[in-house]
Amino acid sequence: MILEIEDKDLEEIINIRHDIHAHPEISGKEIRTTELIKDFAKSLDHIEEVSIPIASGAVFRLKSDKGGKTIAIRSDIDAISQQEDLDIPYKSKCPGIMHACGHDLHISILMACMNILSKNRDRLRGDVVFVFQNSEETTKGAKELIDKGLFDKVNIDYFLGYHNWPLVDAGKVIVKKGALMAAKTNFIIEVIGRGGHGSDPHLNIDPIVCAGHIITGLQTVISRNTDPKAPILLSINSIRGGSEDNLLVDTCKMTATIRSLDKKNFAIARQRAKELIRNIAKAFSCEVKITYTDDIDLVYNSEDMYELARGFAEEIVGRDKLVDIEATMASEDFSLYMQRVPSFMYWFGSSGDGFSKNPLHTKKFYASDKAIKSSAQVLVNAVLGLQGK
C-alpha cells in the first residue's frame, strides 16, 4: 500500500513553500523559516519537538507505540546570497537573497513526510525523527546539531538525506552507488613578509611575489601528485594584499579549496599542498600560516544502503523513473551524519512547468512543486522499509 498525502494537505504545504521562497533567509539567520516549520509541526498529531539549543532549525520526533528502529530524515532550510531573476508569483522579496538551491522545496518535502506518517502512525514499527537543519550552505549546520546533542537526544538507526536536482524532470529519482558528493577542505594561507618602500626591494620581503609562486606551485599538486583517474580539484579562490602606491605590504592572504571524490587522493593533496606552501614560503624568506576552516567528508552511498534505497524508490516511481548520473564536486555536510549511522542520500528530479533546466545556485534556478508528492512518497516508503529490516 502506497501512502499518499491528501490534496488539501499538499496545497497547504505548497503555500508554505511559496511563502518561504518569497522570504528567504541565509545560513544561521533562518528565524522566520524556523517559526513557520514549528507552526506546521504543531498542527500535526503525535509530533513533538526535540529540545536542542540551536538558534535556528528544529528537530521533531514522531513516537511510535512499538520499539523498533528509529529513522531520521533531514531537510536543509537556508538560502544563499543570490539575486533571483525569475518571473514567478512567489519570487524572493529579499534583495540579494534567494532559494537558489531549492531548500524551500526540501522543507516542503519533509513537511509532506511528517503529514503522511503522522496520519499513518499505526504503520510505524519505530520512531521517526525529522531534522530541519540550518546552515547547510556554509556546511556548519550538521556539526552544530551533532555538537549540541542530536545523537544524544535521539537514538538514530538509519539516516535519510535528499537534494533536488533541477537538471532532471520532477518525478524521477536519482539513486547512486558510491561517491555522490565530494569531500572538501577550505583553508586560508597567510604569507608574512616585511613591508617597506617599493624603491628599496632589497630591504623588504615581498609577500606578494611569494604568494604568486605559491599559486603556481599548488597547481602541480593536481598535475603531478594525485591520481589523474580520480576526480580532484584545487582552487585558489581569492587573494588579498598590496597597495595602490609604492608601499610593499607585510602580509598577503589567500583562500583555497581542495575537493575530491577519492579519499586517498584527498589526503595526498592536502598533505602535499601544506608541504609546498611552507617550502615555497621558506625559499622566499617569508613566514606562512595555514588555517583550515571546513573539513567535509564524502557523501558516499554504500552498496548495502544503495540496494535498499533503490528498491524503496522503485516501488513508488517504477524502474523507468530511476536515474543514475555522475557525481558532483559540490559538498554536503550530510556526510557528517553518514559517519555516525548507516545512511543514504537521494536526489530528486525537480525541473518542470515549462521552465529551463538551470543548475543549482543560479539566478534563474527553478524547482517544481510537482517534485513534492513523489519525493515524500519515496522517503516514507524508505522509512517503513528500513523499520522492517
Protein backbone atom coordinates (compact mmCIF):
# COMPACT_ATOMS: atom_id res chain seq x y z
CA MET A 1 0.00 0.00 0.00
CA ILE A 2 1.46 3.35 -1.09
CA LEU A 3 0.86 6.11 1.44
CA GLU A 4 -0.12 9.42 -0.15
CA ILE A 5 -0.72 12.95 1.02
CA GLU A 6 -4.23 14.34 0.63
CA ASP A 7 -4.67 17.08 -1.96
CA LYS A 8 -5.80 19.70 0.57
CA ASP A 9 -2.77 19.00 2.77
CA LEU A 10 -0.44 19.18 -0.22
CA GLU A 11 -1.94 22.52 -1.22
CA GLU A 12 -1.29 23.89 2.29
CA ILE A 13 2.32 22.74 2.17
CA ILE A 14 2.84 24.25 -1.28
CA ASN A 15 1.54 27.59 0.07
CA ILE A 16 4.02 27.40 2.94
CA ARG A 17 6.80 26.56 0.49
CA HIS A 18 5.95 29.62 -1.65
CA ASP A 19 5.93 31.81 1.46
CA ILE A 20 9.37 30.56 2.47
CA HIS A 21 10.66 31.04 -1.07
CA ALA A 22 9.41 34.64 -1.06
CA HIS A 23 11.12 35.29 2.28
CA PRO A 24 14.49 33.52 2.07
CA GLU A 25 16.97 33.63 4.94
CA ILE A 26 20.69 32.95 4.75
CA SER A 27 22.64 30.46 6.86
CA GLY A 28 22.28 30.92 10.60
CA LYS A 29 19.54 33.53 10.15
CA GLU A 30 16.62 31.20 9.36
CA ILE A 31 14.43 32.53 12.19
CA ARG A 32 11.18 33.19 10.29
CA THR A 33 11.60 29.95 8.36
CA THR A 34 12.02 28.02 11.61
CA GLU A 35 8.86 29.54 13.08
CA LEU A 36 6.83 28.50 10.02
CA ILE A 37 8.18 24.98 10.35
CA LYS A 38 7.33 24.84 14.06
CA ASP A 39 3.81 26.16 13.44
CA PHE A 40 3.26 23.45 10.88
CA ALA A 41 4.56 20.74 13.22
CA LYS A 42 2.17 21.90 15.94
CA SER A 43 -0.75 21.34 13.59
CA LEU A 44 0.03 17.61 13.34
CA ASP A 45 -0.83 14.87 15.81
CA HIS A 46 1.81 12.91 17.70
CA ILE A 47 4.68 15.22 16.65
CA GLU A 48 6.89 16.51 19.47
CA GLU A 49 9.85 18.88 19.25
CA VAL A 50 13.22 17.57 20.39
CA SER A 51 14.86 20.17 22.60
CA ILE A 52 18.24 21.11 21.12
CA PRO A 53 19.80 24.52 21.91
CA ILE A 54 20.10 25.96 18.40
CA ALA A 55 19.13 29.46 17.26
CA SER A 56 17.53 28.30 14.01
CA GLY A 57 16.38 25.00 12.62
CA ALA A 58 14.40 22.40 14.54
CA VAL A 59 14.16 18.67 15.20
CA PHE A 60 10.90 16.75 15.72
CA ARG A 61 10.04 13.19 16.66
CA LEU A 62 7.03 11.08 15.78
CA LYS A 63 6.82 8.48 18.52
CA SER A 64 5.58 5.01 17.78
CA ASP A 65 3.95 2.63 20.23
CA LYS A 66 6.40 -0.01 19.06
CA GLY A 67 10.06 -0.22 19.95
CA GLY A 68 11.60 -0.74 16.53
CA LYS A 69 14.23 1.15 14.60
CA THR A 70 14.36 4.96 14.57
CA ILE A 71 14.75 6.55 11.14
CA ALA A 72 15.82 10.18 10.70
CA ILE A 73 15.20 12.32 7.61
CA ARG A 74 16.98 15.62 7.05
CA SER A 75 15.98 18.76 5.18
CA ASP A 76 18.23 21.79 4.95
CA ILE A 77 16.48 25.17 5.24
CA ASP A 78 18.85 28.03 4.33
CA ALA A 79 19.01 30.25 1.25
CA ILE A 80 22.05 31.84 -0.42
CA SER A 81 23.27 35.31 -1.33
CA GLN A 82 21.97 35.48 -4.89
CA GLN A 83 19.62 37.86 -6.71
CA GLU A 84 16.65 35.99 -8.16
CA ASP A 85 15.91 36.68 -11.82
CA LEU A 86 12.86 34.53 -12.48
CA ASP A 87 9.32 35.75 -13.04
CA ILE A 88 7.24 33.65 -10.64
CA PRO A 89 4.41 34.79 -8.33
CA TYR A 90 6.40 33.90 -5.21
CA LYS A 91 9.69 35.48 -6.29
CA SER A 92 12.07 36.45 -3.49
CA LYS A 93 11.15 39.70 -1.76
CA CYS A 94 14.57 39.95 -0.12
CA PRO A 95 17.13 41.76 -2.32
CA GLY A 96 20.24 39.70 -2.91
CA ILE A 97 18.89 36.55 -1.25
CA MET A 98 17.09 33.62 -2.87
CA HIS A 99 16.42 29.92 -2.52
CA ALA A 100 18.69 29.10 -5.44
CA CYS A 101 19.43 25.62 -4.12
CA GLY A 102 15.83 24.56 -3.55
CA HIS A 103 15.93 24.20 0.22
CA ASP A 104 12.40 25.60 0.33
CA LEU A 105 11.38 22.60 -1.77
CA HIS A 106 13.27 20.33 0.64
CA ILE A 107 11.34 21.78 3.56
CA SER A 108 8.03 21.10 1.82
CA ILE A 109 9.04 17.51 1.06
CA LEU A 110 9.85 16.84 4.71
CA MET A 111 6.62 18.53 5.80
CA ALA A 112 4.75 16.17 3.47
CA CYS A 113 6.57 13.22 5.10
CA MET A 114 5.54 14.46 8.54
CA ASN A 115 1.94 14.80 7.40
CA ILE A 116 1.75 11.33 5.86
CA LEU A 117 3.49 9.50 8.70
CA SER A 118 1.63 11.29 11.50
CA LYS A 119 -1.66 10.22 9.90
CA ASN A 120 -0.40 6.66 9.48
CA ARG A 121 1.30 6.24 12.83
CA ASP A 122 -0.17 2.77 13.20
CA ARG A 123 2.02 1.64 10.28
CA LEU A 124 5.24 2.55 12.09
CA ARG A 125 7.41 -0.03 13.84
CA GLY A 126 9.60 2.60 15.47
CA ASP A 127 10.09 6.36 15.84
CA VAL A 128 10.76 8.83 13.03
CA VAL A 129 12.94 11.93 13.51
CA PHE A 130 12.52 14.95 11.24
CA VAL A 131 15.60 17.18 11.09
CA PHE A 132 15.22 20.70 9.68
CA GLN A 133 18.87 21.73 9.60
CA ASN A 134 20.20 25.26 9.37
CA SER A 135 23.41 26.41 7.67
CA GLU A 136 23.98 23.65 5.14
CA GLU A 137 25.28 26.18 2.63
CA THR A 138 28.15 27.03 4.97
CA THR A 139 28.50 23.32 5.90
CA LYS A 140 28.23 24.21 9.58
CA GLY A 141 24.68 23.15 10.49
CA ALA A 142 25.18 19.40 10.77
CA LYS A 143 28.21 19.82 13.02
CA GLU A 144 26.29 22.21 15.24
CA LEU A 145 23.40 19.78 15.63
CA ILE A 146 25.77 16.93 16.43
CA ASP A 147 27.77 19.06 18.88
CA LYS A 148 24.54 20.23 20.55
CA GLY A 149 23.46 16.65 21.22
CA LEU A 150 21.33 15.37 18.32
CA PHE A 151 22.58 11.81 18.69
CA ASP A 152 22.36 12.03 22.48
CA LYS A 153 18.72 13.12 22.40
CA VAL A 154 17.56 10.53 19.85
CA ASN A 155 18.93 7.08 19.16
CA ILE A 156 19.02 7.01 15.34
CA ASP A 157 19.42 3.71 13.50
CA TYR A 158 19.29 4.98 9.89
CA PHE A 159 19.56 8.46 8.36
CA LEU A 160 18.00 9.56 5.06
CA GLY A 161 19.03 12.66 3.18
CA TYR A 162 17.98 14.12 -0.15
CA HIS A 163 18.52 17.00 -2.52
CA ASN A 164 16.62 18.25 -5.53
CA TRP A 165 18.31 18.07 -8.93
CA PRO A 166 16.97 20.69 -11.40
CA LEU A 167 18.57 19.06 -14.45
CA VAL A 168 16.26 16.05 -14.13
CA ASP A 169 12.47 16.06 -14.51
CA ALA A 170 10.29 16.12 -11.41
CA GLY A 171 9.02 12.67 -10.55
CA LYS A 172 12.32 10.95 -11.36
CA VAL A 173 14.60 9.69 -8.59
CA ILE A 174 18.40 9.61 -8.70
CA VAL A 175 19.90 6.69 -6.81
CA LYS A 176 23.67 6.42 -7.00
CA LYS A 177 26.05 3.90 -5.51
CA GLY A 178 29.37 5.05 -4.10
CA ALA A 179 30.67 8.63 -4.11
CA LEU A 180 27.88 11.12 -4.73
CA MET A 181 29.32 14.43 -3.46
CA ALA A 182 32.90 15.50 -2.89
CA ALA A 183 34.99 15.75 0.23
CA LYS A 184 36.31 19.26 0.71
CA THR A 185 38.61 21.33 2.83
CA ASN A 186 38.72 25.13 2.79
CA PHE A 187 41.81 26.88 4.04
CA ILE A 188 43.38 30.32 4.43
CA ILE A 189 47.01 30.95 3.51
CA GLU A 190 48.59 33.99 5.14
CA VAL A 191 52.01 34.87 3.72
CA ILE A 192 54.01 37.12 6.05
CA GLY A 193 56.91 39.18 4.73
CA ARG A 194 58.33 42.58 5.63
CA GLY A 195 56.92 45.74 4.10
CA GLY A 196 58.65 48.90 3.06
CA HIS A 197 59.07 51.26 0.13
CA GLY A 198 58.97 49.88 -3.39
CA SER A 199 62.17 51.73 -4.27
CA ASP A 200 64.15 49.56 -1.83
CA PRO A 201 63.11 45.97 -2.66
CA HIS A 202 66.38 44.64 -1.25
CA LEU A 203 65.39 45.92 2.20
CA ASN A 204 61.95 44.27 2.12
CA ILE A 205 60.48 40.76 1.88
CA ASP A 206 57.65 40.87 -0.64
CA PRO A 207 54.78 38.51 0.33
CA ILE A 208 53.00 39.09 -3.00
CA VAL A 209 55.84 37.63 -5.06
CA CYS A 210 55.88 34.67 -2.68
CA ALA A 211 52.10 34.27 -2.94
CA GLY A 212 52.36 34.22 -6.74
CA HIS A 213 54.83 31.34 -6.61
CA ILE A 214 52.61 29.50 -4.13
CA ILE A 215 49.66 29.80 -6.54
CA THR A 216 51.78 28.41 -9.39
CA GLY A 217 53.31 25.69 -7.25
CA LEU A 218 49.98 24.43 -5.96
CA GLN A 219 48.88 23.61 -9.50
CA THR A 220 51.43 20.78 -9.53
CA VAL A 221 49.61 19.05 -6.66
CA ILE A 222 46.87 18.01 -9.08
CA SER A 223 49.04 17.62 -12.18
CA ARG A 224 51.89 15.66 -10.57
CA ASN A 225 50.98 14.28 -7.14
CA THR A 226 47.48 12.86 -7.39
CA ASP A 227 45.99 10.05 -9.45
CA PRO A 228 44.55 11.58 -12.66
CA LYS A 229 41.92 8.84 -12.85
CA ALA A 230 40.21 10.01 -9.64
CA PRO A 231 38.37 13.38 -9.70
CA ILE A 232 40.04 16.10 -7.63
CA LEU A 233 40.49 19.85 -7.81
CA LEU A 234 42.43 22.56 -6.01
CA SER A 235 41.36 26.17 -6.38
CA ILE A 236 42.73 29.47 -5.16
CA ASN A 237 39.52 31.40 -4.57
CA SER A 238 40.81 34.81 -3.53
CA ILE A 239 43.98 36.80 -2.96
CA ARG A 240 44.16 39.98 -0.92
CA GLY A 241 47.25 42.11 -0.44
CA GLY A 242 49.29 45.02 -1.71
CA SER A 243 48.72 48.73 -2.13
CA GLU A 244 47.98 51.10 -4.98
CA ASP A 245 51.10 53.13 -4.27
CA ASN A 246 54.76 52.29 -3.73
CA LEU A 247 54.27 50.58 -0.40
CA LEU A 248 55.24 46.93 -0.10
CA VAL A 249 52.95 45.37 2.50
CA ASP A 250 53.72 42.92 5.30
CA THR A 251 51.12 40.28 4.51
CA CYS A 252 49.12 38.72 1.73
CA LYS A 253 46.15 36.41 2.30
CA MET A 254 44.65 33.77 0.03
CA THR A 255 41.72 31.40 0.38
CA ALA A 256 41.75 27.97 -1.20
CA THR A 257 39.72 24.78 -1.58
CA ILE A 258 40.53 21.15 -2.23
CA ARG A 259 37.69 18.86 -3.37
CA SER A 260 37.82 15.20 -4.27
CA LEU A 261 35.68 12.12 -4.83
CA ASP A 262 38.54 9.88 -3.70
CA LYS A 263 39.70 9.74 -0.07
CA LYS A 264 43.28 8.71 -0.89
CA ASN A 265 43.71 11.50 -3.44
CA PHE A 266 42.18 13.96 -1.00
CA ALA A 267 44.69 13.07 1.75
CA ILE A 268 47.64 13.26 -0.66
CA ALA A 269 46.58 16.65 -1.99
CA ARG A 270 46.05 18.12 1.45
CA GLN A 271 49.44 16.96 2.72
CA ARG A 272 51.33 17.93 -0.44
CA ALA A 273 49.71 21.39 -0.53
CA LYS A 274 50.83 22.04 3.03
CA GLU A 275 54.41 20.99 2.22
CA LEU A 276 54.59 23.13 -0.91
CA ILE A 277 53.19 26.23 0.77
CA ARG A 278 55.66 26.03 3.65
CA ASN A 279 58.69 25.24 1.48
CA ILE A 280 57.95 27.96 -1.06
CA ALA A 281 57.47 30.49 1.73
CA LYS A 282 60.79 29.43 3.23
CA ALA A 283 62.51 29.84 -0.13
CA PHE A 284 61.31 33.47 -0.27
CA SER A 285 62.24 34.14 3.38
CA CYS A 286 58.57 34.50 4.31
CA GLU A 287 56.61 33.00 7.13
CA VAL A 288 53.26 31.37 6.47
CA LYS A 289 50.14 30.45 8.45
CA ILE A 290 47.68 27.85 7.15
CA THR A 291 44.24 27.82 8.77
CA TYR A 292 41.68 25.15 7.88
CA THR A 293 38.11 26.41 8.10
CA ASP A 294 35.99 23.46 6.86
CA ASP A 295 36.57 19.74 6.55
CA ILE A 296 33.70 17.81 4.99
CA ASP A 297 33.86 14.13 4.11
CA LEU A 298 32.47 12.42 1.01
CA VAL A 299 28.77 11.80 0.66
CA TYR A 300 29.13 8.10 -0.03
CA ASN A 301 26.26 5.67 -0.54
CA SER A 302 27.37 2.19 0.49
CA GLU A 303 26.41 -0.80 -1.66
CA ASP A 304 24.11 -2.19 1.04
CA MET A 305 22.25 1.09 1.52
CA TYR A 306 22.12 1.64 -2.24
CA GLU A 307 20.38 -1.67 -2.84
CA LEU A 308 17.80 -0.90 -0.15
CA ALA A 309 17.21 2.70 -1.23
CA ARG A 310 16.90 1.76 -4.88
CA GLY A 311 14.28 -0.86 -4.03
CA PHE A 312 12.23 1.56 -1.93
CA ALA A 313 12.25 4.15 -4.74
CA GLU A 314 11.41 1.63 -7.46
CA GLU A 315 8.32 0.53 -5.55
CA ILE A 316 7.00 4.11 -5.73
CA VAL A 317 8.04 5.51 -9.12
CA GLY A 318 8.89 2.40 -11.12
CA ARG A 319 12.19 1.33 -12.65
CA ASP A 320 11.85 3.60 -15.69
CA LYS A 321 11.99 6.70 -13.49
CA LEU A 322 15.17 5.74 -11.65
CA VAL A 323 18.25 7.65 -12.80
CA ASP A 324 21.98 7.16 -12.15
CA ILE A 325 24.11 10.17 -13.03
CA GLU A 326 27.66 11.38 -12.47
CA ALA A 327 28.74 12.51 -9.02
CA THR A 328 29.24 16.20 -8.32
CA MET A 329 32.25 18.04 -6.93
CA ALA A 330 29.93 20.04 -4.67
CA SER A 331 29.96 19.09 -0.99
CA GLU A 332 27.30 18.40 1.63
CA ASP A 333 27.50 18.29 5.42
CA PHE A 334 25.02 15.40 5.42
CA SER A 335 28.24 13.40 5.25
CA LEU A 336 28.73 14.10 8.98
CA TYR A 337 25.60 12.10 9.78
CA MET A 338 26.77 9.35 7.45
CA GLN A 339 29.86 8.92 9.61
CA ARG A 340 27.62 8.05 12.58
CA VAL A 341 24.94 5.68 11.29
CA PRO A 342 24.03 3.80 8.08
CA SER A 343 22.68 6.45 5.70
CA PHE A 344 21.63 7.17 2.16
CA MET A 345 21.23 10.35 0.14
CA TYR A 346 18.67 10.53 -2.65
CA TRP A 347 18.50 13.17 -5.36
CA PHE A 348 15.03 14.02 -6.64
CA GLY A 349 14.39 15.47 -10.08
CA SER A 350 12.82 18.92 -9.78
CA SER A 351 12.53 20.51 -13.22
CA GLY A 352 9.20 21.17 -14.90
CA ASP A 353 6.36 23.61 -15.57
CA GLY A 354 7.97 24.86 -18.77
CA PHE A 355 10.98 26.48 -17.11
CA SER A 356 14.52 25.96 -18.37
CA LYS A 357 16.72 23.43 -16.59
CA ASN A 358 19.14 25.78 -14.87
CA PRO A 359 21.73 24.45 -12.41
CA LEU A 360 21.73 25.00 -8.65
CA HIS A 361 22.94 28.37 -7.37
CA THR A 362 21.99 30.29 -10.49
CA LYS A 363 19.72 33.34 -10.63
CA LYS A 364 17.17 31.55 -12.82
CA PHE A 365 17.09 28.34 -10.79
CA TYR A 366 13.64 26.77 -10.63
CA ALA A 367 12.28 23.75 -8.75
CA SER A 368 8.77 22.49 -9.42
CA ASP A 369 6.12 21.84 -6.76
CA LYS A 370 5.46 18.62 -8.69
CA ALA A 371 8.51 17.09 -7.02
CA ILE A 372 6.97 17.23 -3.55
CA LYS A 373 4.48 14.36 -3.70
CA SER A 374 6.61 11.62 -5.27
CA SER A 375 9.70 12.60 -3.27
CA ALA A 376 7.80 12.38 0.00
CA GLN A 377 6.33 9.04 -1.01
CA VAL A 378 9.79 7.62 -1.70
CA LEU A 379 11.08 8.79 1.69
CA VAL A 380 8.03 7.50 3.54
CA ASN A 381 8.39 4.13 1.82
CA ALA A 382 12.07 4.08 2.76
CA VAL A 383 11.21 4.79 6.41
CA LEU A 384 8.73 1.93 6.54
CA GLY A 385 11.10 -0.36 4.68
CA LEU A 386 14.08 0.36 6.92
CA GLN A 387 11.98 -0.18 10.04
CA GLY A 388 11.18 -3.62 8.68
CA LYS A 389 14.84 -4.60 8.39
